[in-house]
PDB file of N, CA and C in Angstrom:
ATOM      1  N   MET A   1    -142.340  60.427 107.897  1.00  0.00           N
ATOM      2  CA  MET A   1    -142.839  61.747 108.223  1.00  0.00           C
ATOM      3  C   MET A   1    -141.970  62.349 109.322  1.00  0.00           C
ATOM      4  N   THR A   2    -141.744  63.613 109.210  1.00  0.00           N
ATOM      5  CA  THR A   2    -141.055  64.316 110.289  1.00  0.00           C
ATOM      6  C   THR A   2    -142.111  64.989 111.150  1.00  0.00           C
ATOM      7  N   ASP A   3    -141.703  65.513 112.302  1.00  0.00           N
ATOM      8  CA  ASP A   3    -142.672  66.142 113.199  1.00  0.00           C
ATOM      9  C   ASP A   3    -143.514  67.190 112.487  1.00  0.00           C
ATOM     10  N   SER A   4    -142.911  67.944 111.583  1.00  0.00           N
ATOM     11  CA  SER A   4    -143.640  69.015 110.917  1.00  0.00           C
ATOM     12  C   SER A   4    -144.598  68.499 109.852  1.00  0.00           C
ATOM     13  N   THR A   5    -144.490  67.231 109.474  1.00  0.00           N
ATOM     14  CA  THR A   5    -145.368  66.722 108.428  1.00  0.00           C
ATOM     15  C   THR A   5    -146.490  65.843 108.959  1.00  0.00           C
ATOM     16  N   TYR A   6    -146.578  65.642 110.267  1.00  0.00           N
ATOM     17  CA  TYR A   6    -147.692  64.865 110.798  1.00  0.00           C
ATOM     18  C   TYR A   6    -148.976  65.663 110.624  1.00  0.00           C
ATOM     19  N   PRO A   7    -150.067  64.981 110.340  1.00  0.00           N
ATOM     20  CA  PRO A   7    -151.341  65.703 110.241  1.00  0.00           C
ATOM     21  C   PRO A   7    -151.628  66.457 111.541  1.00  0.00           C
ATOM     22  N   PRO A   8    -152.148  67.663 111.439  1.00  0.00           N
ATOM     23  CA  PRO A   8    -152.327  68.497 112.630  1.00  0.00           C
ATOM     24  C   PRO A   8    -153.304  67.919 113.655  1.00  0.00           C
ATOM     25  N   LEU A   9    -154.201  67.059 113.249  1.00  0.00           N
ATOM     26  CA  LEU A   9    -155.168  66.498 114.188  1.00  0.00           C
ATOM     27  C   LEU A   9    -154.660  65.257 114.912  1.00  0.00           C
ATOM     28  N   TRP A  10    -153.487  64.756 114.520  1.00  0.00           N
ATOM     29  CA  TRP A  10    -152.946  63.576 115.198  1.00  0.00           C
ATOM     30  C   TRP A  10    -152.566  63.923 116.629  1.00  0.00           C
ATOM     31  N   THR A  11    -152.865  63.016 117.521  1.00  0.00           N
ATOM     32  CA  THR A  11    -152.468  63.146 118.920  1.00  0.00           C
ATOM     33  C   THR A  11    -151.071  62.554 119.084  1.00  0.00           C
ATOM     34  N   GLN A  12    -150.492  62.751 120.260  1.00  0.00           N
ATOM     35  CA  GLN A  12    -149.173  62.167 120.505  1.00  0.00           C
ATOM     36  C   GLN A  12    -149.232  60.642 120.400  1.00  0.00           C
ATOM     37  N   GLY A  13    -150.336  60.056 120.829  1.00  0.00           N
ATOM     38  CA  GLY A  13    -150.489  58.605 120.711  1.00  0.00           C
ATOM     39  C   GLY A  13    -150.451  58.143 119.267  1.00  0.00           C
ATOM     40  N   ALA A  14    -151.077  58.899 118.372  1.00  0.00           N
ATOM     41  CA  ALA A  14    -151.073  58.553 116.952  1.00  0.00           C
ATOM     42  C   ALA A  14    -149.665  58.699 116.366  1.00  0.00           C
ATOM     43  N   ILE A  15    -148.970  59.757 116.752  1.00  0.00           N
ATOM     44  CA  ILE A  15    -147.603  59.973 116.269  1.00  0.00           C
ATOM     45  C   ILE A  15    -146.682  58.861 116.758  1.00  0.00           C
ATOM     46  N   ASP A  16    -146.794  58.512 118.026  1.00  0.00           N
ATOM     47  CA  ASP A  16    -145.960  57.433 118.577  1.00  0.00           C
ATOM     48  C   ASP A  16    -146.218  56.116 117.855  1.00  0.00           C
ATOM     49  N   LEU A  17    -147.484  55.816 117.598  1.00  0.00           N
ATOM     50  CA  LEU A  17    -147.834  54.584 116.896  1.00  0.00           C
ATOM     51  C   LEU A  17    -147.238  54.574 115.491  1.00  0.00           C
ATOM     52  N   TYR A  18    -147.348  55.699 114.794  1.00  0.00           N
ATOM     53  CA  TYR A  18    -146.794  55.794 113.442  1.00  0.00           C
ATOM     54  C   TYR A  18    -145.292  55.527 113.465  1.00  0.00           C
ATOM     55  N   GLU A  19    -144.597  56.183 114.376  1.00  0.00           N
ATOM     56  CA  GLU A  19    -143.139  56.030 114.435  1.00  0.00           C
ATOM     57  C   GLU A  19    -142.736  54.598 114.779  1.00  0.00           C
ATOM     58  N   GLU A  20    -143.442  53.968 115.706  1.00  0.00           N
ATOM     59  CA  GLU A  20    -143.134  52.584 116.071  1.00  0.00           C
ATOM     60  C   GLU A  20    -143.401  51.633 114.910  1.00  0.00           C
ATOM     61  N   ALA A  21    -144.501  51.857 114.203  1.00  0.00           N
ATOM     62  CA  ALA A  21    -144.835  50.992 113.068  1.00  0.00           C
ATOM     63  C   ALA A  21    -143.810  51.143 111.949  1.00  0.00           C
ATOM     64  N   ILE A  22    -143.381  52.366 111.672  1.00  0.00           N
ATOM     65  CA  ILE A  22    -142.383  52.592 110.624  1.00  0.00           C
ATOM     66  C   ILE A  22    -141.038  52.006 111.033  1.00  0.00           C
ATOM     67  N   GLU A  23    -140.720  52.066 112.320  1.00  0.00           N
ATOM     68  CA  GLU A  23    -139.476  51.455 112.788  1.00  0.00           C
ATOM     69  C   GLU A  23    -139.506  49.945 112.550  1.00  0.00           C
ATOM     70  N   GLU A  24    -140.664  49.355 112.800  1.00  0.00           N
ATOM     71  CA  GLU A  24    -140.791  47.908 112.630  1.00  0.00           C
ATOM     72  C   GLU A  24    -140.955  47.512 111.165  1.00  0.00           C
ATOM     73  N   ARG A  25    -141.647  48.349 110.392  1.00  0.00           N
ATOM     74  CA  ARG A  25    -141.898  48.035 108.987  1.00  0.00           C
ATOM     75  C   ARG A  25    -141.510  49.221 108.099  1.00  0.00           C
ATOM     76  N   PRO A  26    -140.202  49.499 107.958  1.00  0.00           N
ATOM     77  CA  PRO A  26    -139.783  50.643 107.142  1.00  0.00           C
ATOM     78  C   PRO A  26    -140.121  50.470 105.662  1.00  0.00           C
ATOM     79  N   ASP A  27    -140.508  49.267 105.270  1.00  0.00           N
ATOM     80  CA  ASP A  27    -140.831  48.974 103.879  1.00  0.00           C
ATOM     81  C   ASP A  27    -142.258  49.370 103.500  1.00  0.00           C
ATOM     82  N   LEU A  28    -143.057  49.887 104.419  1.00  0.00           N
ATOM     83  CA  LEU A  28    -144.449  50.213 104.108  1.00  0.00           C
ATOM     84  C   LEU A  28    -144.519  51.293 103.037  1.00  0.00           C
ATOM     85  N   LYS A  29    -145.222  50.993 101.975  1.00  0.00           N
ATOM     86  CA  LYS A  29    -145.390  51.922 100.859  1.00  0.00           C
ATOM     87  C   LYS A  29    -146.821  51.800 100.345  1.00  0.00           C
ATOM     88  N   GLY A  30    -147.231  52.746  99.557  1.00  0.00           N
ATOM     89  CA  GLY A  30    -148.511  52.677  98.863  1.00  0.00           C
ATOM     90  C   GLY A  30    -149.698  52.430  99.776  1.00  0.00           C
ATOM     91  N   LEU A  31    -150.486  51.409  99.425  1.00  0.00           N
ATOM     92  CA  LEU A  31    -151.704  51.116 100.170  1.00  0.00           C
ATOM     93  C   LEU A  31    -151.428  50.726 101.616  1.00  0.00           C
ATOM     94  N   ALA A  32    -150.338  50.015 101.853  1.00  0.00           N
ATOM     95  CA  ALA A  32    -150.004  49.629 103.223  1.00  0.00           C
ATOM     96  C   ALA A  32    -149.701  50.868 104.063  1.00  0.00           C
ATOM     97  N   HIS A  33    -148.991  51.822 103.486  1.00  0.00           N
ATOM     98  CA  HIS A  33    -148.699  53.062 104.212  1.00  0.00           C
ATOM     99  C   HIS A  33    -149.987  53.855 104.429  1.00  0.00           C
ATOM    100  N   ALA A  34    -150.842  53.882 103.419  1.00  0.00           N
ATOM    101  CA  ALA A  34    -152.123  54.579 103.565  1.00  0.00           C
ATOM    102  C   ALA A  34    -152.958  53.950 104.679  1.00  0.00           C
ATOM    103  N   ALA A  35    -152.897  52.630 104.799  1.00  0.00           N
ATOM    104  CA  ALA A  35    -153.621  51.947 105.876  1.00  0.00           C
ATOM    105  C   ALA A  35    -153.057  52.351 107.235  1.00  0.00           C
ATOM    106  N   LEU A  36    -151.739  52.472 107.333  1.00  0.00           N
ATOM    107  CA  LEU A  36    -151.126  52.910 108.589  1.00  0.00           C
ATOM    108  C   LEU A  36    -151.577  54.326 108.939  1.00  0.00           C
ATOM    109  N   VAL A  37    -151.632  55.196 107.962  1.00  0.00           N
ATOM    110  CA  VAL A  37    -152.098  56.565 108.204  1.00  0.00           C
ATOM    111  C   VAL A  37    -153.548  56.538 108.696  1.00  0.00           C
ATOM    112  N   GLN A  38    -154.370  55.667 108.098  1.00  0.00           N
ATOM    113  CA  GLN A  38    -155.759  55.537 108.552  1.00  0.00           C
ATOM    114  C   GLN A  38    -155.820  55.052 109.998  1.00  0.00           C
ATOM    115  N   VAL A  39    -154.965  54.100 110.340  1.00  0.00           N
ATOM    116  CA  VAL A  39    -154.892  53.616 111.724  1.00  0.00           C
ATOM    117  C   VAL A  39    -154.582  54.784 112.659  1.00  0.00           C
ATOM    118  N   CYS A  40    -153.616  55.593 112.291  1.00  0.00           N
ATOM    119  CA  CYS A  40    -153.235  56.728 113.140  1.00  0.00           C
ATOM    120  C   CYS A  40    -154.365  57.747 113.238  1.00  0.00           C
ATOM    121  N   ASP A  41    -155.100  57.950 112.141  1.00  0.00           N
ATOM    122  CA  ASP A  41    -156.272  58.827 112.192  1.00  0.00           C
ATOM    123  C   ASP A  41    -157.292  58.296 113.199  1.00  0.00           C
ATOM    124  N   LEU A  42    -157.530  56.984 113.154  1.00  0.00           N
ATOM    125  CA  LEU A  42    -158.484  56.368 114.079  1.00  0.00           C
ATOM    126  C   LEU A  42    -158.018  56.480 115.529  1.00  0.00           C
ATOM    127  N   VAL A  43    -156.726  56.307 115.753  1.00  0.00           N
ATOM    128  CA  VAL A  43    -156.186  56.448 117.110  1.00  0.00           C
ATOM    129  C   VAL A  43    -156.374  57.887 117.599  1.00  0.00           C
ATOM    130  N   ALA A  44    -156.149  58.855 116.729  1.00  0.00           N
ATOM    131  CA  ALA A  44    -156.344  60.256 117.113  1.00  0.00           C
ATOM    132  C   ALA A  44    -157.809  60.526 117.455  1.00  0.00           C
ATOM    133  N   VAL A  45    -158.721  59.976 116.660  1.00  0.00           N
ATOM    134  CA  VAL A  45    -160.153  60.122 116.948  1.00  0.00           C
ATOM    135  C   VAL A  45    -160.475  59.503 118.307  1.00  0.00           C
ATOM    136  N   ALA A  46    -159.930  58.314 118.554  1.00  0.00           N
ATOM    137  CA  ALA A  46    -160.170  57.633 119.832  1.00  0.00           C
ATOM    138  C   ALA A  46    -159.605  58.436 121.000  1.00  0.00           C
ATOM    139  N   ASP A  47    -158.401  58.956 120.838  1.00  0.00           N
ATOM    140  CA  ASP A  47    -157.792  59.756 121.907  1.00  0.00           C
ATOM    141  C   ASP A  47    -158.643  60.982 122.225  1.00  0.00           C
ATOM    142  N   ARG A  48    -159.125  61.641 121.191  1.00  0.00           N
ATOM    143  CA  ARG A  48    -159.948  62.837 121.408  1.00  0.00           C
ATOM    144  C   ARG A  48    -161.298  62.466 122.024  1.00  0.00           C
ATOM    145  N   GLY A  49    -161.858  61.340 121.589  1.00  0.00           N
ATOM    146  CA  GLY A  49    -163.114  60.876 122.190  1.00  0.00           C
ATOM    147  C   GLY A  49    -162.951  60.568 123.663  1.00  0.00           C
ATOM    148  N   ASP A  50    -161.834  59.925 124.005  1.00  0.00           N
ATOM    149  CA  ASP A  50    -161.548  59.646 125.418  1.00  0.00           C
ATOM    150  C   ASP A  50    -161.458  60.942 126.219  1.00  0.00           C
ATOM    151  N   ALA A  51    -160.796  61.939 125.654  1.00  0.00           N
ATOM    152  CA  ALA A  51    -160.633  63.218 126.361  1.00  0.00           C
ATOM    153  C   ALA A  51    -161.985  63.901 126.583  1.00  0.00           C
ATOM    154  N   ILE A  52    -162.849  63.842 125.580  1.00  0.00           N
ATOM    155  CA  ILE A  52    -164.182  64.448 125.713  1.00  0.00           C
ATOM    156  C   ILE A  52    -164.981  63.720 126.788  1.00  0.00           C
ATOM    157  N   ALA A  53    -164.960  62.389 126.741  1.00  0.00           N
ATOM    158  CA  ALA A  53    -165.697  61.601 127.735  1.00  0.00           C
ATOM    159  C   ALA A  53    -165.150  61.851 129.141  1.00  0.00           C
ATOM    160  N   LEU A  54    -163.833  61.923 129.264  1.00  0.00           N
ATOM    161  CA  LEU A  54    -163.208  62.178 130.565  1.00  0.00           C
ATOM    162  C   LEU A  54    -163.657  63.523 131.130  1.00  0.00           C
ATOM    163  N   ALA A  55    -163.694  64.529 130.266  1.00  0.00           N
ATOM    164  CA  ALA A  55    -164.103  65.860 130.712  1.00  0.00           C
ATOM    165  C   ALA A  55    -165.532  65.862 131.253  1.00  0.00           C
ATOM    166  N   ASP A  56    -166.357  64.949 130.751  1.00  0.00           N
ATOM    167  CA  ASP A  56    -167.749  64.851 131.206  1.00  0.00           C
ATOM    168  C   ASP A  56    -167.955  63.741 132.233  1.00  0.00           C
ATOM    169  N   GLY A  57    -166.870  63.211 132.780  1.00  0.00           N
ATOM    170  CA  GLY A  57    -166.982  62.165 133.786  1.00  0.00           C
ATOM    171  C   GLY A  57    -167.434  60.824 133.226  1.00  0.00           C
ATOM    172  N   PHE A  58    -167.258  60.625 131.932  1.00  0.00           N
ATOM    173  CA  PHE A  58    -167.604  59.381 131.234  1.00  0.00           C
ATOM    174  C   PHE A  58    -169.105  59.098 131.207  1.00  0.00           C
ATOM    175  N   VAL A  59    -169.917  60.049 131.634  1.00  0.00           N
ATOM    176  CA  VAL A  59    -171.365  59.848 131.695  1.00  0.00           C
ATOM    177  C   VAL A  59    -172.057  60.979 130.946  1.00  0.00           C
ATOM    178  N   ALA A  60    -173.132  60.617 130.246  1.00  0.00           N
ATOM    179  CA  ALA A  60    -173.983  61.601 129.584  1.00  0.00           C
ATOM    180  C   ALA A  60    -175.417  61.348 130.051  1.00  0.00           C
ATOM    181  N   THR A  61    -176.311  62.216 129.641  1.00  0.00           N
ATOM    182  CA  THR A  61    -177.714  62.061 130.010  1.00  0.00           C
ATOM    183  C   THR A  61    -178.476  61.509 128.821  1.00  0.00           C
ATOM    184  N   GLY A  62    -179.209  60.424 129.059  1.00  0.00           N
ATOM    185  CA  GLY A  62    -180.003  59.803 128.006  1.00  0.00           C
ATOM    186  C   GLY A  62    -181.267  60.590 127.711  1.00  0.00           C
ATOM    187  N   SER A  63    -182.050  60.126 126.740  1.00  0.00           N
ATOM    188  CA  SER A  63    -183.247  60.843 126.294  1.00  0.00           C
ATOM    189  C   SER A  63    -184.314  60.950 127.384  1.00  0.00           C
ATOM    190  N   ALA A  64    -184.308  60.013 128.327  1.00  0.00           N
ATOM    191  CA  ALA A  64    -185.279  60.057 129.426  1.00  0.00           C
ATOM    192  C   ALA A  64    -184.654  60.616 130.702  1.00  0.00           C
ATOM    193  N   GLY A  65    -183.480  61.218 130.577  1.00  0.00           N
ATOM    194  CA  GLY A  65    -182.817  61.814 131.723  1.00  0.00           C
ATOM    195  C   GLY A  65    -181.949  60.852 132.519  1.00  0.00           C
ATOM    196  N   GLN A  66    -181.854  59.629 132.065  1.00  0.00           N
ATOM    197  CA  GLN A  66    -181.059  58.622 132.779  1.00  0.00           C
ATOM    198  C   GLN A  66    -179.581  58.767 132.425  1.00  0.00           C
ATOM    199  N   PRO A  67    -178.700  58.386 133.348  1.00  0.00           N
ATOM    200  CA  PRO A  67    -177.268  58.416 133.030  1.00  0.00           C
ATOM    201  C   PRO A  67    -176.919  57.271 132.073  1.00  0.00           C
ATOM    202  N   ILE A  68    -176.113  57.591 131.083  1.00  0.00           N
ATOM    203  CA  ILE A  68    -175.659  56.588 130.113  1.00  0.00           C
ATOM    204  C   ILE A  68    -174.155  56.756 129.898  1.00  0.00           C
ATOM    205  N   ALA A  69    -173.538  55.719 129.338  1.00  0.00           N
ATOM    206  CA  ALA A  69    -172.122  55.839 128.964  1.00  0.00           C
ATOM    207  C   ALA A  69    -171.990  56.958 127.938  1.00  0.00           C
ATOM    208  N   HIS A  70    -170.970  57.758 128.098  1.00  0.00           N
ATOM    209  CA  HIS A  70    -170.771  58.892 127.195  1.00  0.00           C
ATOM    210  C   HIS A  70    -170.615  58.399 125.757  1.00  0.00           C
ATOM    211  N   PRO A  71    -171.351  58.974 124.808  1.00  0.00           N
ATOM    212  CA  PRO A  71    -171.249  58.528 123.411  1.00  0.00           C
ATOM    213  C   PRO A  71    -169.829  58.624 122.842  1.00  0.00           C
ATOM    214  N   SER A  72    -169.057  59.601 123.284  1.00  0.00           N
ATOM    215  CA  SER A  72    -167.679  59.721 122.791  1.00  0.00           C
ATOM    216  C   SER A  72    -166.825  58.549 123.241  1.00  0.00           C
ATOM    217  N   LEU A  73    -167.124  58.007 124.401  1.00  0.00           N
ATOM    218  CA  LEU A  73    -166.399  56.843 124.894  1.00  0.00           C
ATOM    219  C   LEU A  73    -166.681  55.629 124.013  1.00  0.00           C
ATOM    220  N   VAL A  74    -167.932  55.471 123.631  1.00  0.00           N
ATOM    221  CA  VAL A  74    -168.321  54.362 122.753  1.00  0.00           C
ATOM    222  C   VAL A  74    -167.647  54.515 121.391  1.00  0.00           C
ATOM    223  N   GLU A  75    -167.674  55.716 120.838  1.00  0.00           N
ATOM    224  CA  GLU A  75    -167.035  55.954 119.543  1.00  0.00           C
ATOM    225  C   GLU A  75    -165.532  55.724 119.617  1.00  0.00           C
ATOM    226  N   ALA A  76    -164.915  56.117 120.725  1.00  0.00           N
ATOM    227  CA  ALA A  76    -163.474  55.899 120.897  1.00  0.00           C
ATOM    228  C   ALA A  76    -163.159  54.413 120.898  1.00  0.00           C
ATOM    229  N   ARG A  77    -163.977  53.643 121.589  1.00  0.00           N
ATOM    230  CA  ARG A  77    -163.759  52.196 121.637  1.00  0.00           C
ATOM    231  C   ARG A  77    -163.883  51.585 120.243  1.00  0.00           C
ATOM    232  N   LEU A  78    -164.868  52.013 119.480  1.00  0.00           N
ATOM    233  CA  LEU A  78    -165.040  51.502 118.118  1.00  0.00           C
ATOM    234  C   LEU A  78    -163.870  51.899 117.220  1.00  0.00           C
ATOM    235  N   ALA A  79    -163.383  53.120 117.375  1.00  0.00           N
ATOM    236  CA  ALA A  79    -162.241  53.570 116.572  1.00  0.00           C
ATOM    237  C   ALA A  79    -161.000  52.754 116.901  1.00  0.00           C
ATOM    238  N   ARG A  80    -160.768  52.496 118.182  1.00  0.00           N
ATOM    239  CA  ARG A  80    -159.604  51.687 118.578  1.00  0.00           C
ATOM    240  C   ARG A  80    -159.721  50.257 118.056  1.00  0.00           C
ATOM    241  N   SER A  81    -160.905  49.703 118.113  1.00  0.00           N
ATOM    242  CA  SER A  81    -161.113  48.345 117.616  1.00  0.00           C
ATOM    243  C   SER A  81    -160.815  48.267 116.119  1.00  0.00           C
ATOM    244  N   SER A  82    -161.295  49.238 115.369  1.00  0.00           N
ATOM    245  CA  SER A  82    -161.019  49.275 113.927  1.00  0.00           C
ATOM    246  C   SER A  82    -159.531  49.457 113.661  1.00  0.00           C
ATOM    247  N   ALA A  83    -158.902  50.335 114.429  1.00  0.00           N
ATOM    248  CA  ALA A  83    -157.466  50.579 114.253  1.00  0.00           C
ATOM    249  C   ALA A  83    -156.663  49.310 114.514  1.00  0.00           C
ATOM    250  N   LEU A  84    -157.018  48.585 115.561  1.00  0.00           N
ATOM    251  CA  LEU A  84    -156.286  47.357 115.881  1.00  0.00           C
ATOM    252  C   LEU A  84    -156.457  46.291 114.809  1.00  0.00           C
ATOM    253  N   THR A  85    -157.640  46.207 114.229  1.00  0.00           N
ATOM    254  CA  THR A  85    -157.878  45.238 113.159  1.00  0.00           C
ATOM    255  C   THR A  85    -156.982  45.532 111.961  1.00  0.00           C
ATOM    256  N   ILE A  86    -156.910  46.797 111.573  1.00  0.00           N
ATOM    257  CA  ILE A  86    -156.062  47.184 110.441  1.00  0.00           C
ATOM    258  C   ILE A  86    -154.593  46.983 110.788  1.00  0.00           C
ATOM    259  N   LEU A  87    -154.199  47.408 111.968  1.00  0.00           N
ATOM    260  CA  LEU A  87    -152.800  47.318 112.380  1.00  0.00           C
ATOM    261  C   LEU A  87    -152.321  45.870 112.429  1.00  0.00           C
ATOM    262  N   ALA A  88    -153.171  44.977 112.861  1.00  0.00           N
ATOM    263  CA  ALA A  88    -152.789  43.563 112.940  1.00  0.00           C
ATOM    264  C   ALA A  88    -152.423  43.005 111.567  1.00  0.00           C
ATOM    265  N   ARG A  89    -153.018  43.547 110.530  1.00  0.00           N
ATOM    266  CA  ARG A  89    -152.710  43.090 109.173  1.00  0.00           C
ATOM    267  C   ARG A  89    -151.429  43.725 108.632  1.00  0.00           C
ATOM    268  N   LEU A  90    -151.066  44.871 109.179  1.00  0.00           N
ATOM    269  CA  LEU A  90    -149.881  45.584 108.695  1.00  0.00           C
ATOM    270  C   LEU A  90    -148.589  45.111 109.338  1.00  0.00           C
ATOM    271  N   VAL A  91    -148.646  44.858 110.626  1.00  0.00           N
ATOM    272  CA  VAL A  91    -147.437  44.529 111.373  1.00  0.00           C
ATOM    273  C   VAL A  91    -147.519  43.074 111.801  1.00  0.00           C
ATOM    274  N   PRO A  92    -146.752  42.209 111.155  1.00  0.00           N
ATOM    275  CA  PRO A  92    -146.811  40.791 111.503  1.00  0.00           C
ATOM    276  C   PRO A  92    -146.375  40.555 112.946  1.00  0.00           C
ATOM    277  N   PRO A  93    -146.893  39.480 113.566  1.00  0.00           N
ATOM    278  CA  PRO A  93    -146.607  39.245 114.977  1.00  0.00           C
ATOM    279  C   PRO A  93    -145.171  38.866 115.279  1.00  0.00           C
ATOM    280  N   SER A  94    -144.393  38.526 114.280  1.00  0.00           N
ATOM    281  CA  SER A  94    -142.998  38.185 114.543  1.00  0.00           C
ATOM    282  C   SER A  94    -142.125  38.778 113.453  1.00  0.00           C
ATOM    283  N   GLY A  95    -140.861  38.842 113.733  1.00  0.00           N
ATOM    284  CA  GLY A  95    -139.897  39.400 112.799  1.00  0.00           C
ATOM    285  C   GLY A  95    -138.646  39.762 113.556  1.00  0.00           C
ATOM    286  N   PRO A  96    -137.554  39.987 112.847  1.00  0.00           N
ATOM    287  CA  PRO A  96    -136.293  40.248 113.530  1.00  0.00           C
ATOM    288  C   PRO A  96    -136.328  41.482 114.424  1.00  0.00           C
ATOM    289  N   ASN A  97    -136.938  42.563 113.963  1.00  0.00           N
ATOM    290  CA  ASN A  97    -136.969  43.778 114.784  1.00  0.00           C
ATOM    291  C   ASN A  97    -137.748  43.552 116.066  1.00  0.00           C
ATOM    292  N   ARG A  98    -138.904  42.917 115.956  1.00  0.00           N
ATOM    293  CA  ARG A  98    -139.716  42.659 117.138  1.00  0.00           C
ATOM    294  C   ARG A  98    -138.987  41.717 118.085  1.00  0.00           C
ATOM    295  N   GLN A  99    -138.377  40.689 117.535  1.00  0.00           N
ATOM    296  CA  GLN A  99    -137.654  39.734 118.371  1.00  0.00           C
ATOM    297  C   GLN A  99    -136.503  40.417 119.103  1.00  0.00           C
ATOM    298  N   GLN A 100    -135.800  41.317 118.426  1.00  0.00           N
ATOM    299  CA  GLN A 100    -134.702  42.037 119.069  1.00  0.00           C
ATOM    300  C   GLN A 100    -135.219  42.911 120.207  1.00  0.00           C
ATOM    301  N   ARG A 101    -136.322  43.619 119.977  1.00  0.00           N
ATOM    302  CA  ARG A 101    -136.891  44.475 121.022  1.00  0.00           C
ATOM    303  C   ARG A 101    -137.363  43.645 122.209  1.00  0.00           C
ATOM    304  N   GLU A 102    -138.002  42.502 121.909  1.00  0.00           N
ATOM    305  CA  GLU A 102    -138.469  41.647 122.997  1.00  0.00           C
ATOM    306  C   GLU A 102    -137.294  41.110 123.806  1.00  0.00           C
ATOM    307  N   ALA A 103    -136.206  40.743 123.132  1.00  0.00           N
ATOM    308  CA  ALA A 103    -135.023  40.241 123.842  1.00  0.00           C
ATOM    309  C   ALA A 103    -134.431  41.336 124.724  1.00  0.00           C
ATOM    310  N   ARG A 104    -134.342  42.560 124.199  1.00  0.00           N
ATOM    311  CA  ARG A 104    -133.830  43.672 125.005  1.00  0.00           C
ATOM    312  C   ARG A 104    -134.731  43.918 126.211  1.00  0.00           C
ATOM    313  N   SER A 105    -136.029  43.827 125.985  1.00  0.00           N
ATOM    314  CA  SER A 105    -136.975  44.036 127.072  1.00  0.00           C
ATOM    315  C   SER A 105    -136.813  42.970 128.150  1.00  0.00           C
ATOM    316  N   ARG A 106    -136.654  41.722 127.725  1.00  0.00           N
ATOM    317  CA  ARG A 106    -136.462  40.639 128.697  1.00  0.00           C
ATOM    318  C   ARG A 106    -135.176  40.841 129.481  1.00  0.00           C
ATOM    319  N   ARG A 107    -134.106  41.228 128.786  1.00  0.00           N
ATOM    320  CA  ARG A 107    -132.834  41.464 129.483  1.00  0.00           C
ATOM    321  C   ARG A 107    -132.995  42.561 130.518  1.00  0.00           C
ATOM    322  N   GLY A 108    -133.720  43.607 130.158  1.00  0.00           N
ATOM    323  CA  GLY A 108    -133.930  44.714 131.085  1.00  0.00           C
ATOM    324  C   GLY A 108    -134.717  44.294 132.309  1.00  0.00           C
ATOM    325  N   ARG A 109    -135.711  43.434 132.118  1.00  0.00           N
ATOM    326  CA  ARG A 109    -136.524  42.984 133.254  1.00  0.00           C
ATOM    327  C   ARG A 109    -135.766  41.998 134.130  1.00  0.00           C
ATOM    328  N   ILE A 110    -134.961  41.148 133.496  1.00  0.00           N
ATOM    329  CA  ILE A 110    -134.294  40.077 134.238  1.00  0.00           C
ATOM    330  C   ILE A 110    -133.024  40.568 134.912  1.00  0.00           C
ATOM    331  N   GLY A 111    -132.137  41.169 134.133  1.00  0.00           N
ATOM    332  CA  GLY A 111    -130.827  41.493 134.693  1.00  0.00           C
ATOM    333  C   GLY A 111    -130.535  42.960 134.832  1.00  0.00           C
ATOM    334  N   GLY A 112    -131.470  43.816 134.486  1.00  0.00           N
ATOM    335  CA  GLY A 112    -131.224  45.238 134.637  1.00  0.00           C
ATOM    336  C   GLY A 112    -130.605  45.883 133.414  1.00  0.00           C
ATOM    337  N   GLY A 113    -130.526  45.155 132.271  1.00  0.00           N
ATOM    338  CA  GLY A 113    -130.061  45.764 131.030  1.00  0.00           C
ATOM    339  C   GLY A 113    -128.607  45.543 130.759  1.00  0.00           C
ATOM    340  N   ALA A 114    -127.990  46.512 130.072  1.00  0.00           N
ATOM    341  CA  ALA A 114    -126.607  46.545 129.630  1.00  0.00           C
ATOM    342  C   ALA A 114    -125.975  45.212 129.704  1.00  0.00           C
TER     343      ALA A 114
END
């Protein structure tokens, strides 16, 4: 997908996740690609839920007037949990691309890169 073809409701976090996943697994097609799109939809829902909860100070008023955790925060957490479950099945924990990135990251932390 190019920037102009991302779904309009995707947040920057969802777009970044999509691009990173495609970089790691450019072979994703069909149902696997559809699952990745669903993951990104869930991340966008979670991001928006976090923003709503943040705007309300993460607290809402319960039915008896008591303060409760904002419902959008709870929904965001559930969306992220579902997204991570799906993503774990799509992107294997090891592979040449991941190993290369991890090695570059270690070099950057240890010796300053280049």
